[in-house]
Amino acid sequence: MPTRVIGEYSASVVLATPKSAILIVRESALSNKLSGFRSRCSLAFTAGQFWIVIQNYLRTRRGQLPLQKIADVNEIAIGGAVSFAYPDAHDSCLLLRTGESTFIAFSQKCTHLSCAVVPQMDKGRFQCPCHEGSFDLTTGEPVAGPPRRPLPKITIQVRNGAVYAAGIELRTI
């Protein structure tokens, strides 16, 4: 079977007609392009998996997050909300008082594109104004729009008449 190199592709000519030689060259070119694409996708997927492992390792090395006072209990009315930053100054969060002794807190960043979500207590949801996404007010689960992941939940502790942030629950489902 004679082999000829045409451009950057090699082709095995099985039949002596010009059409069959062109067909084999085209199939070879397409196969080479698809093979390269599959290789790049596999490499990107593998790199992404390693990045997740590295992030989890670094997260566990950091240890427990610090206890941070958010507000005094009597400063927050039932149905009211307080904005705070946790664990860092650039991580905006919301503390909501839904009952006499019930407090919930979530990250204020939408899990779709990080726009600030706004609580709508009367509708029982957080609303993202960027793409009309919404999250359940009590669970942080997405209920409409593009977001697919729930809002990160802030662990709350009430001590001596004050509300404290004590950690973050990162959830994927």
N, C-alpha and C. Protein backbone atom coordinates (compact mmCIF):
# COMPACT_ATOMS: atom_id res chain seq x y z
N MET A 1 0.84 -1.16 0.00
CA MET A 1 0.00 0.00 0.00
C MET A 1 0.89 1.23 0.00
N PRO A 2 0.92 2.00 -1.07
CA PRO A 2 1.79 3.18 -1.12
C PRO A 2 1.26 4.30 -0.22
N THR A 3 2.18 5.00 0.44
CA THR A 3 1.81 6.11 1.31
C THR A 3 2.45 7.38 0.78
N ARG A 4 1.64 8.42 0.70
CA ARG A 4 2.14 9.71 0.25
C ARG A 4 1.87 10.73 1.35
N VAL A 5 2.76 11.68 1.50
CA VAL A 5 2.54 12.77 2.45
C VAL A 5 1.98 13.95 1.67
N ILE A 6 0.79 14.39 2.09
CA ILE A 6 0.14 15.52 1.42
C ILE A 6 -0.02 16.61 2.48
N GLY A 7 0.72 17.68 2.36
CA GLY A 7 0.68 18.74 3.37
C GLY A 7 1.22 18.20 4.68
N GLU A 8 0.46 18.37 5.75
CA GLU A 8 0.91 17.88 7.04
C GLU A 8 0.31 16.53 7.40
N TYR A 9 -0.50 15.96 6.51
CA TYR A 9 -1.17 14.70 6.78
C TYR A 9 -0.60 13.61 5.88
N SER A 10 -0.55 12.40 6.40
CA SER A 10 -0.14 11.29 5.55
C SER A 10 -1.39 10.48 5.22
N ALA A 11 -1.44 9.93 4.06
CA ALA A 11 -2.61 9.17 3.63
C ALA A 11 -2.16 7.89 2.95
N SER A 12 -2.86 6.80 3.23
CA SER A 12 -2.61 5.55 2.54
C SER A 12 -3.58 5.46 1.37
N VAL A 13 -3.06 5.31 0.20
CA VAL A 13 -3.90 5.25 -0.99
C VAL A 13 -4.23 3.80 -1.26
N VAL A 14 -5.51 3.45 -1.16
CA VAL A 14 -5.95 2.09 -1.36
C VAL A 14 -6.39 1.88 -2.79
N LEU A 15 -7.18 2.80 -3.31
CA LEU A 15 -7.65 2.71 -4.69
C LEU A 15 -6.88 3.72 -5.54
N ALA A 16 -6.82 3.45 -6.78
CA ALA A 16 -6.02 4.30 -7.65
C ALA A 16 -6.76 5.53 -8.15
N THR A 17 -8.03 5.68 -7.79
CA THR A 17 -8.78 6.83 -8.30
C THR A 17 -8.47 8.07 -7.47
N PRO A 18 -8.46 9.25 -8.07
CA PRO A 18 -8.17 10.49 -7.34
C PRO A 18 -9.19 10.78 -6.23
N LYS A 19 -10.47 10.43 -6.45
CA LYS A 19 -11.49 10.69 -5.44
C LYS A 19 -11.22 9.92 -4.15
N SER A 20 -10.83 8.67 -4.26
CA SER A 20 -10.57 7.89 -3.05
C SER A 20 -9.36 8.42 -2.30
N ALA A 21 -8.36 8.89 -3.00
CA ALA A 21 -7.18 9.45 -2.34
C ALA A 21 -7.56 10.73 -1.59
N ILE A 22 -8.40 11.58 -2.15
CA ILE A 22 -8.85 12.80 -1.50
C ILE A 22 -9.69 12.46 -0.27
N LEU A 23 -10.56 11.46 -0.39
CA LEU A 23 -11.42 11.06 0.72
C LEU A 23 -10.58 10.57 1.90
N ILE A 24 -9.57 9.77 1.65
CA ILE A 24 -8.73 9.25 2.72
C ILE A 24 -7.96 10.39 3.38
N VAL A 25 -7.48 11.35 2.61
CA VAL A 25 -6.76 12.49 3.18
C VAL A 25 -7.69 13.29 4.07
N ARG A 26 -8.92 13.54 3.67
CA ARG A 26 -9.87 14.30 4.48
C ARG A 26 -10.21 13.57 5.76
N GLU A 27 -10.42 12.26 5.71
CA GLU A 27 -10.72 11.49 6.91
C GLU A 27 -9.55 11.54 7.87
N SER A 28 -8.33 11.46 7.35
CA SER A 28 -7.14 11.51 8.19
C SER A 28 -7.02 12.88 8.85
N ALA A 29 -7.28 13.94 8.12
CA ALA A 29 -7.19 15.29 8.68
C ALA A 29 -8.22 15.48 9.78
N LEU A 30 -9.43 15.03 9.58
CA LEU A 30 -10.48 15.15 10.59
C LEU A 30 -10.14 14.32 11.82
N SER A 31 -9.64 13.13 11.60
CA SER A 31 -9.27 12.26 12.71
C SER A 31 -8.17 12.90 13.55
N ASN A 32 -7.18 13.52 12.91
CA ASN A 32 -6.09 14.18 13.64
C ASN A 32 -6.61 15.35 14.45
N LYS A 33 -7.53 16.14 13.88
CA LYS A 33 -8.09 17.28 14.60
C LYS A 33 -8.90 16.83 15.81
N LEU A 34 -9.74 15.80 15.63
CA LEU A 34 -10.55 15.30 16.74
C LEU A 34 -9.69 14.69 17.83
N SER A 35 -8.65 14.00 17.44
CA SER A 35 -7.76 13.40 18.42
C SER A 35 -7.09 14.47 19.27
N GLY A 36 -6.65 15.55 18.64
CA GLY A 36 -6.04 16.66 19.38
C GLY A 36 -7.04 17.32 20.31
N PHE A 37 -8.27 17.50 19.86
CA PHE A 37 -9.32 18.10 20.69
C PHE A 37 -9.61 17.22 21.90
N ARG A 38 -9.73 15.92 21.69
CA ARG A 38 -9.99 15.00 22.80
C ARG A 38 -8.85 15.01 23.80
N SER A 39 -7.64 15.10 23.31
CA SER A 39 -6.47 15.15 24.20
C SER A 39 -6.48 16.41 25.05
N ARG A 40 -6.79 17.56 24.43
CA ARG A 40 -6.84 18.81 25.18
C ARG A 40 -7.97 18.79 26.21
N CYS A 41 -9.12 18.23 25.86
CA CYS A 41 -10.23 18.13 26.82
C CYS A 41 -9.86 17.23 27.99
N SER A 42 -9.23 16.11 27.71
CA SER A 42 -8.81 15.21 28.78
C SER A 42 -7.80 15.88 29.70
N LEU A 43 -6.88 16.61 29.12
CA LEU A 43 -5.87 17.32 29.91
C LEU A 43 -6.54 18.38 30.79
N ALA A 44 -7.48 19.13 30.24
CA ALA A 44 -8.19 20.15 31.02
C ALA A 44 -8.99 19.52 32.16
N PHE A 45 -9.65 18.41 31.88
CA PHE A 45 -10.42 17.71 32.92
C PHE A 45 -9.50 17.23 34.03
N THR A 46 -8.37 16.64 33.68
CA THR A 46 -7.42 16.15 34.67
C THR A 46 -6.86 17.30 35.51
N ALA A 47 -6.52 18.40 34.86
CA ALA A 47 -6.02 19.57 35.59
C ALA A 47 -7.08 20.09 36.56
N GLY A 48 -8.33 20.12 36.13
CA GLY A 48 -9.42 20.56 37.00
C GLY A 48 -9.58 19.66 38.21
N GLN A 49 -9.45 18.36 38.03
CA GLN A 49 -9.55 17.43 39.16
C GLN A 49 -8.41 17.65 40.16
N PHE A 50 -7.20 17.87 39.65
CA PHE A 50 -6.08 18.15 40.54
C PHE A 50 -6.29 19.46 41.30
N TRP A 51 -6.86 20.47 40.63
CA TRP A 51 -7.12 21.75 41.28
C TRP A 51 -8.12 21.58 42.44
N ILE A 52 -9.13 20.77 42.25
CA ILE A 52 -10.10 20.50 43.31
C ILE A 52 -9.42 19.82 44.50
N VAL A 53 -8.57 18.85 44.23
CA VAL A 53 -7.85 18.17 45.31
C VAL A 53 -6.96 19.15 46.06
N ILE A 54 -6.27 20.02 45.35
CA ILE A 54 -5.38 21.01 45.98
C ILE A 54 -6.20 21.97 46.85
N GLN A 55 -7.34 22.45 46.33
CA GLN A 55 -8.19 23.36 47.11
C GLN A 55 -8.68 22.69 48.39
N ASN A 56 -9.12 21.46 48.30
CA ASN A 56 -9.59 20.76 49.50
C ASN A 56 -8.47 20.57 50.50
N TYR A 57 -7.27 20.25 50.04
CA TYR A 57 -6.13 20.10 50.92
C TYR A 57 -5.81 21.41 51.64
N LEU A 58 -5.78 22.50 50.88
CA LEU A 58 -5.49 23.81 51.48
C LEU A 58 -6.58 24.23 52.46
N ARG A 59 -7.82 23.93 52.14
CA ARG A 59 -8.94 24.27 53.02
C ARG A 59 -8.83 23.54 54.35
N THR A 60 -8.44 22.28 54.34
CA THR A 60 -8.31 21.53 55.59
C THR A 60 -7.09 21.98 56.39
N ARG A 61 -6.06 22.47 55.74
CA ARG A 61 -4.86 22.95 56.45
C ARG A 61 -5.11 24.26 57.17
N ARG A 62 -6.04 25.06 56.65
CA ARG A 62 -6.34 26.34 57.27
C ARG A 62 -6.92 26.17 58.66
N GLY A 63 -7.57 25.04 58.88
CA GLY A 63 -8.18 24.80 60.19
C GLY A 63 -9.53 25.46 60.31
N GLN A 64 -9.97 25.58 61.54
CA GLN A 64 -11.29 26.12 61.81
C GLN A 64 -11.27 27.64 61.65
N LEU A 65 -12.37 28.17 61.09
CA LEU A 65 -12.48 29.61 60.92
C LEU A 65 -12.73 30.27 62.27
N PRO A 66 -12.35 31.53 62.41
CA PRO A 66 -12.52 32.20 63.69
C PRO A 66 -13.99 32.52 63.98
N LEU A 67 -14.30 32.63 65.26
CA LEU A 67 -15.62 33.04 65.71
C LEU A 67 -15.67 34.56 65.58
N GLN A 68 -16.70 35.08 64.89
CA GLN A 68 -16.78 36.52 64.66
C GLN A 68 -18.17 37.04 65.05
N LYS A 69 -18.20 38.05 65.88
CA LYS A 69 -19.48 38.64 66.28
C LYS A 69 -20.08 39.39 65.11
N ILE A 70 -21.39 39.15 64.89
CA ILE A 70 -22.10 39.83 63.81
C ILE A 70 -22.91 40.99 64.39
N ALA A 71 -23.73 40.71 65.39
CA ALA A 71 -24.58 41.74 65.99
C ALA A 71 -25.18 41.21 67.29
N ASP A 72 -25.72 42.13 68.10
CA ASP A 72 -26.47 41.72 69.28
C ASP A 72 -27.86 41.29 68.83
N VAL A 73 -28.44 40.33 69.53
CA VAL A 73 -29.76 39.80 69.17
C VAL A 73 -30.80 40.91 69.14
N ASN A 74 -30.77 41.83 70.11
CA ASN A 74 -31.80 42.87 70.16
C ASN A 74 -31.64 43.94 69.08
N GLU A 75 -30.56 43.94 68.33
CA GLU A 75 -30.36 44.89 67.24
C GLU A 75 -31.06 44.47 65.96
N ILE A 76 -31.48 43.21 65.88
CA ILE A 76 -32.07 42.68 64.64
C ILE A 76 -33.55 42.40 64.88
N ALA A 77 -34.40 43.08 64.14
CA ALA A 77 -35.84 42.86 64.26
C ALA A 77 -36.22 41.54 63.57
N ILE A 78 -37.32 40.93 64.01
CA ILE A 78 -37.81 39.73 63.33
C ILE A 78 -38.19 40.12 61.90
N GLY A 79 -37.69 39.39 60.94
CA GLY A 79 -37.89 39.72 59.53
C GLY A 79 -36.82 40.66 59.00
N GLY A 80 -35.86 41.01 59.85
CA GLY A 80 -34.80 41.92 59.46
C GLY A 80 -33.55 41.20 58.98
N ALA A 81 -32.65 41.95 58.37
CA ALA A 81 -31.40 41.40 57.84
C ALA A 81 -30.25 42.32 58.18
N VAL A 82 -29.10 41.73 58.39
CA VAL A 82 -27.87 42.47 58.66
C VAL A 82 -26.79 41.96 57.70
N SER A 83 -26.10 42.90 57.08
CA SER A 83 -24.99 42.55 56.19
C SER A 83 -23.70 42.51 57.01
N PHE A 84 -22.85 41.54 56.71
CA PHE A 84 -21.55 41.43 57.40
C PHE A 84 -20.56 40.76 56.47
N ALA A 85 -19.30 40.85 56.81
CA ALA A 85 -18.24 40.22 56.02
C ALA A 85 -17.66 39.06 56.81
N TYR A 86 -17.57 37.88 56.15
CA TYR A 86 -17.02 36.70 56.83
C TYR A 86 -16.57 35.69 55.80
N PRO A 87 -15.45 35.06 55.91
CA PRO A 87 -14.42 35.19 56.93
C PRO A 87 -13.46 36.35 56.66
N ASP A 88 -13.46 36.88 55.45
CA ASP A 88 -12.58 38.00 55.10
C ASP A 88 -13.42 39.22 54.77
N ALA A 89 -12.77 40.37 54.67
CA ALA A 89 -13.47 41.63 54.41
C ALA A 89 -14.17 41.65 53.05
N HIS A 90 -13.70 40.87 52.08
CA HIS A 90 -14.31 40.87 50.75
C HIS A 90 -15.41 39.82 50.59
N ASP A 91 -15.71 39.04 51.62
CA ASP A 91 -16.74 38.00 51.56
C ASP A 91 -18.02 38.52 52.21
N SER A 92 -18.91 39.11 51.42
CA SER A 92 -20.14 39.67 51.98
C SER A 92 -21.17 38.57 52.24
N CYS A 93 -21.84 38.70 53.39
CA CYS A 93 -22.83 37.72 53.84
C CYS A 93 -24.06 38.44 54.38
N LEU A 94 -25.14 37.70 54.55
CA LEU A 94 -26.37 38.24 55.11
C LEU A 94 -26.83 37.38 56.27
N LEU A 95 -27.17 38.02 57.38
CA LEU A 95 -27.78 37.35 58.53
C LEU A 95 -29.24 37.75 58.55
N LEU A 96 -30.13 36.77 58.60
CA LEU A 96 -31.57 37.02 58.64
C LEU A 96 -32.15 36.50 59.94
N ARG A 97 -33.08 37.25 60.50
CA ARG A 97 -33.79 36.79 61.69
C ARG A 97 -35.19 36.43 61.22
N THR A 98 -35.48 35.15 61.22
CA THR A 98 -36.76 34.67 60.70
C THR A 98 -37.79 34.39 61.80
N GLY A 99 -37.35 34.38 63.04
CA GLY A 99 -38.25 34.13 64.17
C GLY A 99 -37.66 34.70 65.44
N GLU A 100 -38.36 34.50 66.54
CA GLU A 100 -37.91 35.03 67.84
C GLU A 100 -36.48 34.58 68.17
N SER A 101 -36.20 33.33 67.94
CA SER A 101 -34.86 32.81 68.24
C SER A 101 -34.25 32.07 67.05
N THR A 102 -34.68 32.41 65.85
CA THR A 102 -34.21 31.73 64.65
C THR A 102 -33.42 32.70 63.77
N PHE A 103 -32.16 32.33 63.52
CA PHE A 103 -31.28 33.12 62.67
C PHE A 103 -30.70 32.22 61.59
N ILE A 104 -30.56 32.74 60.39
CA ILE A 104 -29.90 32.02 59.31
C ILE A 104 -28.97 33.01 58.59
N ALA A 105 -27.91 32.49 58.03
CA ALA A 105 -26.97 33.35 57.32
C ALA A 105 -26.40 32.62 56.11
N PHE A 106 -26.23 33.37 55.03
CA PHE A 106 -25.69 32.83 53.79
C PHE A 106 -24.73 33.85 53.18
N SER A 107 -23.87 33.35 52.31
CA SER A 107 -23.04 34.23 51.51
C SER A 107 -23.97 35.04 50.62
N GLN A 108 -23.60 36.29 50.37
CA GLN A 108 -24.46 37.15 49.55
C GLN A 108 -24.12 37.03 48.06
N LYS A 109 -23.12 36.22 47.72
CA LYS A 109 -22.72 36.08 46.32
C LYS A 109 -23.51 34.97 45.63
N CYS A 110 -24.17 35.31 44.54
CA CYS A 110 -24.88 34.31 43.73
C CYS A 110 -23.87 33.30 43.21
N THR A 111 -24.25 32.03 43.20
CA THR A 111 -23.34 30.98 42.75
C THR A 111 -23.24 30.90 41.23
N HIS A 112 -23.98 31.74 40.52
CA HIS A 112 -23.91 31.76 39.07
C HIS A 112 -22.76 32.67 38.61
N LEU A 113 -22.86 33.97 38.91
CA LEU A 113 -21.81 34.91 38.49
C LEU A 113 -21.39 35.87 39.60
N SER A 114 -21.66 35.52 40.84
CA SER A 114 -21.24 36.28 42.02
C SER A 114 -21.89 37.64 42.18
N CYS A 115 -23.05 37.86 41.59
CA CYS A 115 -23.79 39.09 41.83
C CYS A 115 -24.35 39.03 43.26
N ALA A 116 -24.61 40.19 43.86
CA ALA A 116 -25.14 40.22 45.23
C ALA A 116 -26.62 39.85 45.23
N VAL A 117 -26.98 38.85 46.03
CA VAL A 117 -28.39 38.47 46.16
C VAL A 117 -29.06 39.36 47.19
N VAL A 118 -30.37 39.56 47.02
CA VAL A 118 -31.15 40.43 47.89
C VAL A 118 -32.26 39.60 48.53
N PRO A 119 -32.40 39.68 49.87
CA PRO A 119 -33.47 38.89 50.50
C PRO A 119 -34.84 39.49 50.23
N GLN A 120 -35.79 38.63 49.94
CA GLN A 120 -37.19 39.02 49.80
C GLN A 120 -37.97 38.18 50.79
N MET A 121 -38.06 38.67 52.02
CA MET A 121 -38.67 37.92 53.11
C MET A 121 -40.12 37.55 52.81
N ASP A 122 -40.89 38.48 52.20
CA ASP A 122 -42.29 38.21 51.90
C ASP A 122 -42.49 37.09 50.89
N LYS A 123 -41.51 36.87 50.02
CA LYS A 123 -41.59 35.80 49.02
C LYS A 123 -40.82 34.55 49.43
N GLY A 124 -40.08 34.65 50.54
CA GLY A 124 -39.33 33.50 51.04
C GLY A 124 -38.16 33.11 50.17
N ARG A 125 -37.47 34.11 49.62
CA ARG A 125 -36.34 33.79 48.74
C ARG A 125 -35.31 34.91 48.71
N PHE A 126 -34.13 34.55 48.21
CA PHE A 126 -33.10 35.51 47.85
C PHE A 126 -33.22 35.70 46.35
N GLN A 127 -33.17 36.93 45.88
CA GLN A 127 -33.29 37.22 44.45
C GLN A 127 -31.96 37.75 43.93
N CYS A 128 -31.51 37.20 42.81
CA CYS A 128 -30.31 37.70 42.13
C CYS A 128 -30.78 38.59 40.98
N PRO A 129 -30.48 39.88 41.03
CA PRO A 129 -30.97 40.79 39.99
C PRO A 129 -30.27 40.65 38.64
N CYS A 130 -29.13 40.00 38.59
CA CYS A 130 -28.37 39.92 37.34
C CYS A 130 -29.06 39.07 36.27
N HIS A 131 -29.51 37.86 36.65
CA HIS A 131 -30.11 36.96 35.68
C HIS A 131 -31.40 36.34 36.20
N GLU A 132 -32.07 37.03 37.13
CA GLU A 132 -33.34 36.58 37.69
C GLU A 132 -33.26 35.21 38.35
N GLY A 133 -32.13 34.90 38.93
CA GLY A 133 -32.01 33.67 39.71
C GLY A 133 -32.58 33.89 41.09
N SER A 134 -33.05 32.82 41.71
CA SER A 134 -33.53 32.95 43.08
C SER A 134 -33.19 31.69 43.87
N PHE A 135 -33.08 31.89 45.19
CA PHE A 135 -32.70 30.83 46.13
C PHE A 135 -33.72 30.79 47.26
N ASP A 136 -33.96 29.60 47.79
CA ASP A 136 -34.85 29.46 48.93
C ASP A 136 -34.24 30.20 50.12
N LEU A 137 -35.06 30.95 50.84
CA LEU A 137 -34.59 31.77 51.94
C LEU A 137 -34.09 30.96 53.13
N THR A 138 -34.67 29.79 53.36
CA THR A 138 -34.29 29.00 54.54
C THR A 138 -33.18 27.99 54.27
N THR A 139 -33.05 27.53 53.02
CA THR A 139 -32.04 26.51 52.72
C THR A 139 -30.91 27.02 51.83
N GLY A 140 -31.14 28.10 51.09
CA GLY A 140 -30.14 28.59 50.15
C GLY A 140 -30.10 27.81 48.85
N GLU A 141 -31.02 26.85 48.68
CA GLU A 141 -31.06 26.04 47.46
C GLU A 141 -31.60 26.87 46.29
N PRO A 142 -31.06 26.70 45.07
CA PRO A 142 -31.59 27.44 43.92
C PRO A 142 -32.99 26.95 43.57
N VAL A 143 -33.88 27.90 43.26
CA VAL A 143 -35.25 27.53 42.89
C VAL A 143 -35.64 28.03 41.50
N ALA A 144 -34.88 28.98 40.95
CA ALA A 144 -35.18 29.48 39.61
C ALA A 144 -33.94 30.14 39.02
N GLY A 145 -33.92 30.20 37.69
CA GLY A 145 -32.84 30.89 36.99
C GLY A 145 -31.62 30.02 36.75
N PRO A 146 -30.53 30.65 36.34
CA PRO A 146 -29.32 29.91 35.99
C PRO A 146 -28.56 29.26 37.14
N PRO A 147 -28.63 29.77 38.39
CA PRO A 147 -27.81 29.12 39.43
C PRO A 147 -28.17 27.65 39.63
N ARG A 148 -27.15 26.81 39.76
CA ARG A 148 -27.36 25.37 39.98
C ARG A 148 -26.86 24.92 41.35
N ARG A 149 -25.99 25.71 41.98
CA ARG A 149 -25.44 25.36 43.28
C ARG A 149 -26.08 26.23 44.37
N PRO A 150 -26.23 25.69 45.56
CA PRO A 150 -26.81 26.48 46.65
C PRO A 150 -25.83 27.53 47.16
N LEU A 151 -26.37 28.53 47.84
CA LEU A 151 -25.53 29.54 48.47
C LEU A 151 -24.74 28.91 49.61
N PRO A 152 -23.48 29.30 49.80
CA PRO A 152 -22.74 28.80 50.97
C PRO A 152 -23.43 29.27 52.25
N LYS A 153 -23.63 28.35 53.17
CA LYS A 153 -24.32 28.66 54.42
C LYS A 153 -23.28 29.01 55.49
N ILE A 154 -23.56 30.06 56.24
CA ILE A 154 -22.70 30.47 57.34
C ILE A 154 -23.23 29.84 58.62
N THR A 155 -22.38 29.15 59.34
CA THR A 155 -22.77 28.53 60.61
C THR A 155 -22.91 29.63 61.65
N ILE A 156 -24.04 29.62 62.35
CA ILE A 156 -24.37 30.67 63.32
C ILE A 156 -24.39 30.09 64.73
N GLN A 157 -23.89 30.89 65.69
CA GLN A 157 -24.00 30.55 67.11
C GLN A 157 -24.54 31.78 67.84
N VAL A 158 -25.46 31.55 68.78
CA VAL A 158 -25.98 32.62 69.61
C VAL A 158 -25.44 32.40 71.02
N ARG A 159 -24.71 33.41 71.52
CA ARG A 159 -24.09 33.32 72.85
C ARG A 159 -24.26 34.65 73.58
N ASN A 160 -24.70 34.58 74.80
CA ASN A 160 -24.78 35.77 75.66
C ASN A 160 -25.44 36.97 74.97
N GLY A 161 -26.53 36.72 74.25
CA GLY A 161 -27.28 37.81 73.62
C GLY A 161 -26.65 38.36 72.36
N ALA A 162 -25.69 37.65 71.78
CA ALA A 162 -25.05 38.09 70.54
C ALA A 162 -25.04 36.94 69.52
N VAL A 163 -25.03 37.31 68.25
CA VAL A 163 -25.00 36.33 67.16
C VAL A 163 -23.59 36.33 66.57
N TYR A 164 -23.04 35.11 66.42
CA TYR A 164 -21.68 34.95 65.92
C TYR A 164 -21.66 34.08 64.66
N ALA A 165 -20.74 34.41 63.75
CA ALA A 165 -20.46 33.53 62.61
C ALA A 165 -19.35 32.58 63.06
N ALA A 166 -19.56 31.27 62.81
CA ALA A 166 -18.62 30.28 63.32
C ALA A 166 -18.00 29.39 62.24
N GLY A 167 -18.42 29.51 61.00
CA GLY A 167 -17.86 28.67 59.94
C GLY A 167 -18.69 28.78 58.67
N ILE A 168 -18.26 28.08 57.65
CA ILE A 168 -18.94 28.10 56.34
C ILE A 168 -19.17 26.67 55.90
N GLU A 169 -20.38 26.40 55.44
CA GLU A 169 -20.72 25.10 54.86
C GLU A 169 -20.75 25.27 53.35
N LEU A 170 -19.73 24.76 52.67
CA LEU A 170 -19.72 24.80 51.20
C LEU A 170 -20.45 23.57 50.70
N ARG A 171 -21.49 23.80 49.91
CA ARG A 171 -22.32 22.68 49.44
C ARG A 171 -22.34 22.69 47.92
N THR A 172 -22.41 21.52 47.33
CA THR A 172 -22.45 21.44 45.88
C THR A 172 -23.80 20.97 45.37
N ILE A 173 -24.59 20.37 46.21
CA ILE A 173 -25.90 19.86 45.77
C ILE A 173 -26.97 20.36 46.70
